């Protein structure tokens, strides 16, 4: 049994896609909960910390239907389109995801790519003159989004 519990804990730590099974909302705070395709900002105007179970879609939906004194506001989807260049490869999802995360967004959807080649030169070792090489840049339009 201990091995199973350890395995579940390690899976949750290694795999960030694992959904949270519960949230806490301290007194006077608001927490964004986005589980099972339902996103709400849950506020706690009362005293004491409140616990919200999201272990299943049924539990989360049950709470949404009867929040028991907590405030509920549906999240708003906020999007922003960026254009940037990178050298990682034609459809490098790591580059585009990192770009969105670096801008404070949670995810991305790439909708167009173009590429161009640019010559880059640098000094060679000693006094051998410049060394030039062609570098391909991928210009990407990406829609980053987050819930607020």
C-alpha atoms as a PDB file:
ATOM      1  CA  UNK A   1       0.000   0.000   0.000  1.00  0.00           C
ATOM      2  CA  UNK A   2       2.851   2.395   0.805  1.00  0.00           C
ATOM      3  CA  UNK A   3       4.418   1.658  -2.579  1.00  0.00           C
ATOM      4  CA  UNK A   4       1.131   2.551  -4.315  1.00  0.00           C
ATOM      5  CA  UNK A   5       0.839   5.836  -2.389  1.00  0.00           C
ATOM      6  CA  UNK A   6       4.445   6.716  -3.227  1.00  0.00           C
ATOM      7  CA  UNK A   7       3.823   5.885  -6.891  1.00  0.00           C
ATOM      8  CA  UNK A   8       0.765   8.167  -7.005  1.00  0.00           C
ATOM      9  CA  UNK A   9       2.711  11.016  -5.362  1.00  0.00           C
ATOM     10  CA  UNK A  10       5.639  10.647  -7.745  1.00  0.00           C
ATOM     11  CA  UNK A  11       3.307  10.559 -10.751  1.00  0.00           C
ATOM     12  CA  UNK A  12       1.687  13.808  -9.618  1.00  0.00           C
ATOM     13  CA  UNK A  13       5.086  15.454  -9.207  1.00  0.00           C
ATOM     14  CA  UNK A  14       6.499  14.250 -12.529  1.00  0.00           C
ATOM     15  CA  UNK A  15       3.341  14.714 -14.611  1.00  0.00           C
ATOM     16  CA  UNK A  16       2.022  18.276 -14.279  1.00  0.00           C
ATOM     17  CA  UNK A  17      -0.993  17.350 -16.437  1.00  0.00           C
ATOM     18  CA  UNK A  18      -2.463  15.476 -13.464  1.00  0.00           C
ATOM     19  CA  UNK A  19      -5.475  17.463 -12.239  1.00  0.00           C
ATOM     20  CA  UNK A  20      -5.532  18.859  -8.719  1.00  0.00           C
ATOM     21  CA  UNK A  21      -7.802  16.846  -6.427  1.00  0.00           C
ATOM     22  CA  UNK A  22      -8.579  19.782  -4.128  1.00  0.00           C
ATOM     23  CA  UNK A  23      -8.019  23.485  -3.610  1.00  0.00           C
ATOM     24  CA  UNK A  24      -7.957  25.644  -0.507  1.00  0.00           C
ATOM     25  CA  UNK A  25      -9.290  29.204  -0.464  1.00  0.00           C
ATOM     26  CA  UNK A  26      -7.998  31.198   2.522  1.00  0.00           C
ATOM     27  CA  UNK A  27     -10.225  33.838   4.101  1.00  0.00           C
ATOM     28  CA  UNK A  28     -10.250  37.047   2.050  1.00  0.00           C
ATOM     29  CA  UNK A  29      -8.633  35.415  -0.998  1.00  0.00           C
ATOM     30  CA  UNK A  30      -9.737  34.401  -4.487  1.00  0.00           C
ATOM     31  CA  UNK A  31      -8.419  31.302  -6.275  1.00  0.00           C
ATOM     32  CA  UNK A  32      -8.811  30.409  -9.958  1.00  0.00           C
ATOM     33  CA  UNK A  33      -9.919  26.792 -10.396  1.00  0.00           C
ATOM     34  CA  UNK A  34      -9.879  25.390 -13.925  1.00  0.00           C
ATOM     35  CA  UNK A  35     -10.806  21.699 -13.818  1.00  0.00           C
ATOM     36  CA  UNK A  36     -12.763  19.431 -16.163  1.00  0.00           C
ATOM     37  CA  UNK A  37     -13.274  22.260 -18.670  1.00  0.00           C
ATOM     38  CA  UNK A  38     -14.983  24.499 -16.077  1.00  0.00           C
ATOM     39  CA  UNK A  39     -13.087  27.581 -14.915  1.00  0.00           C
ATOM     40  CA  UNK A  40     -14.232  29.759 -12.014  1.00  0.00           C
ATOM     41  CA  UNK A  41     -12.674  32.336  -9.728  1.00  0.00           C
ATOM     42  CA  UNK A  42     -13.726  31.299  -6.229  1.00  0.00           C
ATOM     43  CA  UNK A  43     -13.645  33.927  -3.499  1.00  0.00           C
ATOM     44  CA  UNK A  44     -13.836  33.411   0.250  1.00  0.00           C
ATOM     45  CA  UNK A  45     -15.348  36.464   1.982  1.00  0.00           C
ATOM     46  CA  UNK A  46     -15.847  34.557   5.247  1.00  0.00           C
ATOM     47  CA  UNK A  47     -13.608  33.556   8.107  1.00  0.00           C
ATOM     48  CA  UNK A  48     -11.414  30.495   7.922  1.00  0.00           C
ATOM     49  CA  UNK A  49      -9.942  28.576   5.020  1.00  0.00           C
ATOM     50  CA  UNK A  50     -12.355  26.642   2.800  1.00  0.00           C
ATOM     51  CA  UNK A  51     -11.525  23.350   1.072  1.00  0.00           C
ATOM     52  CA  UNK A  52     -12.951  22.479  -2.374  1.00  0.00           C
ATOM     53  CA  UNK A  53     -12.751  18.957  -3.767  1.00  0.00           C
ATOM     54  CA  UNK A  54     -12.069  18.588  -7.486  1.00  0.00           C
ATOM     55  CA  UNK A  55     -11.146  14.905  -7.470  1.00  0.00           C
ATOM     56  CA  UNK A  56     -13.916  14.199  -9.987  1.00  0.00           C
ATOM     57  CA  UNK A  57     -16.004  16.252 -12.384  1.00  0.00           C
ATOM     58  CA  UNK A  58     -19.070  15.353 -10.287  1.00  0.00           C
ATOM     59  CA  UNK A  59     -17.548  16.817  -7.117  1.00  0.00           C
ATOM     60  CA  UNK A  60     -16.468  19.993  -8.912  1.00  0.00           C
ATOM     61  CA  UNK A  61     -19.893  20.396 -10.573  1.00  0.00           C
ATOM     62  CA  UNK A  62     -21.635  19.799  -7.245  1.00  0.00           C
ATOM     63  CA  UNK A  63     -19.617  22.609  -5.661  1.00  0.00           C
ATOM     64  CA  UNK A  64     -20.376  24.944  -8.600  1.00  0.00           C
ATOM     65  CA  UNK A  65     -24.094  24.283  -8.147  1.00  0.00           C
ATOM     66  CA  UNK A  66     -23.966  25.038  -4.387  1.00  0.00           C
ATOM     67  CA  UNK A  67     -20.884  27.092  -3.391  1.00  0.00           C
ATOM     68  CA  UNK A  68     -22.058  27.509   0.249  1.00  0.00           C
ATOM     69  CA  UNK A  69     -21.173  31.138   0.925  1.00  0.00           C
ATOM     70  CA  UNK A  70     -18.225  31.414  -1.436  1.00  0.00           C
ATOM     71  CA  UNK A  71     -18.355  33.778  -4.418  1.00  0.00           C
ATOM     72  CA  UNK A  72     -18.201  32.348  -7.932  1.00  0.00           C
ATOM     73  CA  UNK A  73     -17.267  34.220 -11.096  1.00  0.00           C
ATOM     74  CA  UNK A  74     -16.804  32.458 -14.425  1.00  0.00           C
ATOM     75  CA  UNK A  75     -13.294  32.917 -15.783  1.00  0.00           C
ATOM     76  CA  UNK A  76     -12.729  35.099 -18.801  1.00  0.00           C
ATOM     77  CA  UNK A  77     -10.564  33.734 -21.597  1.00  0.00           C
ATOM     78  CA  UNK A  78      -7.883  36.283 -22.456  1.00  0.00           C
ATOM     79  CA  UNK A  79      -5.909  35.893 -25.681  1.00  0.00           C
ATOM     80  CA  UNK A  80      -2.966  37.724 -27.154  1.00  0.00           C
ATOM     81  CA  UNK A  81      -1.347  37.190 -30.556  1.00  0.00           C
ATOM     82  CA  UNK A  82       2.419  37.447 -30.856  1.00  0.00           C
ATOM     83  CA  UNK A  83       4.813  37.121 -33.774  1.00  0.00           C
ATOM     84  CA  UNK A  84       8.336  35.993 -32.992  1.00  0.00           C
ATOM     85  CA  UNK A  85      11.308  34.292 -34.634  1.00  0.00           C
ATOM     86  CA  UNK A  86      13.295  31.303 -33.445  1.00  0.00           C
ATOM     87  CA  UNK A  87      15.805  28.832 -34.858  1.00  0.00           C
ATOM     88  CA  UNK A  88      14.654  25.558 -33.257  1.00  0.00           C
ATOM     89  CA  UNK A  89      12.846  23.947 -36.188  1.00  0.00           C
ATOM     90  CA  UNK A  90       9.813  24.479 -38.360  1.00  0.00           C
ATOM     91  CA  UNK A  91       7.150  23.441 -35.842  1.00  0.00           C
ATOM     92  CA  UNK A  92       8.961  23.535 -32.509  1.00  0.00           C
ATOM     93  CA  UNK A  93       6.151  23.433 -29.923  1.00  0.00           C
ATOM     94  CA  UNK A  94       8.692  23.795 -27.086  1.00  0.00           C
ATOM     95  CA  UNK A  95       9.758  27.193 -28.452  1.00  0.00           C
ATOM     96  CA  UNK A  96       6.199  28.443 -28.865  1.00  0.00           C
ATOM     97  CA  UNK A  97       5.027  27.109 -25.484  1.00  0.00           C
ATOM     98  CA  UNK A  98       8.038  28.651 -23.757  1.00  0.00           C
ATOM     99  CA  UNK A  99       7.320  31.943 -25.490  1.00  0.00           C
ATOM    100  CA  UNK A 100       3.723  32.001 -24.195  1.00  0.00           C
ATOM    101  CA  UNK A 101       4.742  30.964 -20.678  1.00  0.00           C
ATOM    102  CA  UNK A 102       7.420  33.669 -20.681  1.00  0.00           C
ATOM    103  CA  UNK A 103       4.680  36.214 -21.396  1.00  0.00           C
ATOM    104  CA  UNK A 104       2.558  34.982 -18.463  1.00  0.00           C
ATOM    105  CA  UNK A 105       0.145  32.825 -20.468  1.00  0.00           C
ATOM    106  CA  UNK A 106      -0.678  29.160 -19.950  1.00  0.00           C
ATOM    107  CA  UNK A 107      -0.897  27.666 -23.419  1.00  0.00           C
ATOM    108  CA  UNK A 108      -0.613  28.381 -27.074  1.00  0.00           C
ATOM    109  CA  UNK A 109      -1.965  27.669 -30.522  1.00  0.00           C
ATOM    110  CA  UNK A 110       0.300  28.269 -33.509  1.00  0.00           C
ATOM    111  CA  UNK A 111      -1.542  29.334 -36.595  1.00  0.00           C
ATOM    112  CA  UNK A 112       1.102  30.189 -39.193  1.00  0.00           C
ATOM    113  CA  UNK A 113       4.771  29.743 -39.938  1.00  0.00           C
ATOM    114  CA  UNK A 114       7.076  31.299 -42.468  1.00  0.00           C
ATOM    115  CA  UNK A 115      10.823  31.008 -42.626  1.00  0.00           C
ATOM    116  CA  UNK A 116      13.738  33.060 -43.864  1.00  0.00           C
ATOM    117  CA  UNK A 117      17.468  32.454 -44.063  1.00  0.00           C
ATOM    118  CA  UNK A 118      19.869  35.002 -42.698  1.00  0.00           C
ATOM    119  CA  UNK A 119      23.623  34.953 -43.019  1.00  0.00           C
ATOM    120  CA  UNK A 120      25.491  35.354 -39.738  1.00  0.00           C
ATOM    121  CA  UNK A 121      29.206  36.038 -39.595  1.00  0.00           C
ATOM    122  CA  UNK A 122      31.663  36.035 -36.727  1.00  0.00           C
ATOM    123  CA  UNK A 123      35.427  36.273 -36.415  1.00  0.00           C
ATOM    124  CA  UNK A 124      37.331  33.053 -36.919  1.00  0.00           C
ATOM    125  CA  UNK A 125      40.089  31.836 -34.614  1.00  0.00           C
ATOM    126  CA  UNK A 126      43.229  33.925 -34.730  1.00  0.00           C
ATOM    127  CA  UNK A 127      43.309  36.279 -37.699  1.00  0.00           C
ATOM    128  CA  UNK A 128      41.611  34.017 -40.266  1.00  0.00           C
ATOM    129  CA  UNK A 129      38.868  36.526 -41.092  1.00  0.00           C
ATOM    130  CA  UNK A 130      35.125  36.153 -40.785  1.00  0.00           C
ATOM    131  CA  UNK A 131      33.329  32.825 -40.781  1.00  0.00           C
ATOM    132  CA  UNK A 132      29.822  33.026 -42.231  1.00  0.00           C
ATOM    133  CA  UNK A 133      26.953  30.569 -42.105  1.00  0.00           C
ATOM    134  CA  UNK A 134      23.317  30.572 -43.094  1.00  0.00           C
ATOM    135  CA  UNK A 135      20.830  30.357 -40.232  1.00  0.00           C
ATOM    136  CA  UNK A 136      17.156  29.603 -40.809  1.00  0.00           C
ATOM    137  CA  UNK A 137      14.741  31.631 -38.715  1.00  0.00           C
ATOM    138  CA  UNK A 138      11.136  30.522 -38.304  1.00  0.00           C
ATOM    139  CA  UNK A 139       8.700  33.399 -38.008  1.00  0.00           C
ATOM    140  CA  UNK A 140       5.677  32.228 -36.078  1.00  0.00           C
ATOM    141  CA  UNK A 141       2.323  33.749 -35.290  1.00  0.00           C
ATOM    142  CA  UNK A 142       1.046  32.304 -32.059  1.00  0.00           C
ATOM    143  CA  UNK A 143      -2.070  32.864 -29.981  1.00  0.00           C
ATOM    144  CA  UNK A 144      -1.334  32.640 -26.272  1.00  0.00           C
ATOM    145  CA  UNK A 145      -4.222  32.372 -23.856  1.00  0.00           C
ATOM    146  CA  UNK A 146      -5.019  32.273 -20.164  1.00  0.00           C
ATOM    147  CA  UNK A 147      -8.040  32.432 -17.909  1.00  0.00           C
ATOM    148  CA  UNK A 148      -8.473  35.509 -15.729  1.00  0.00           C
END
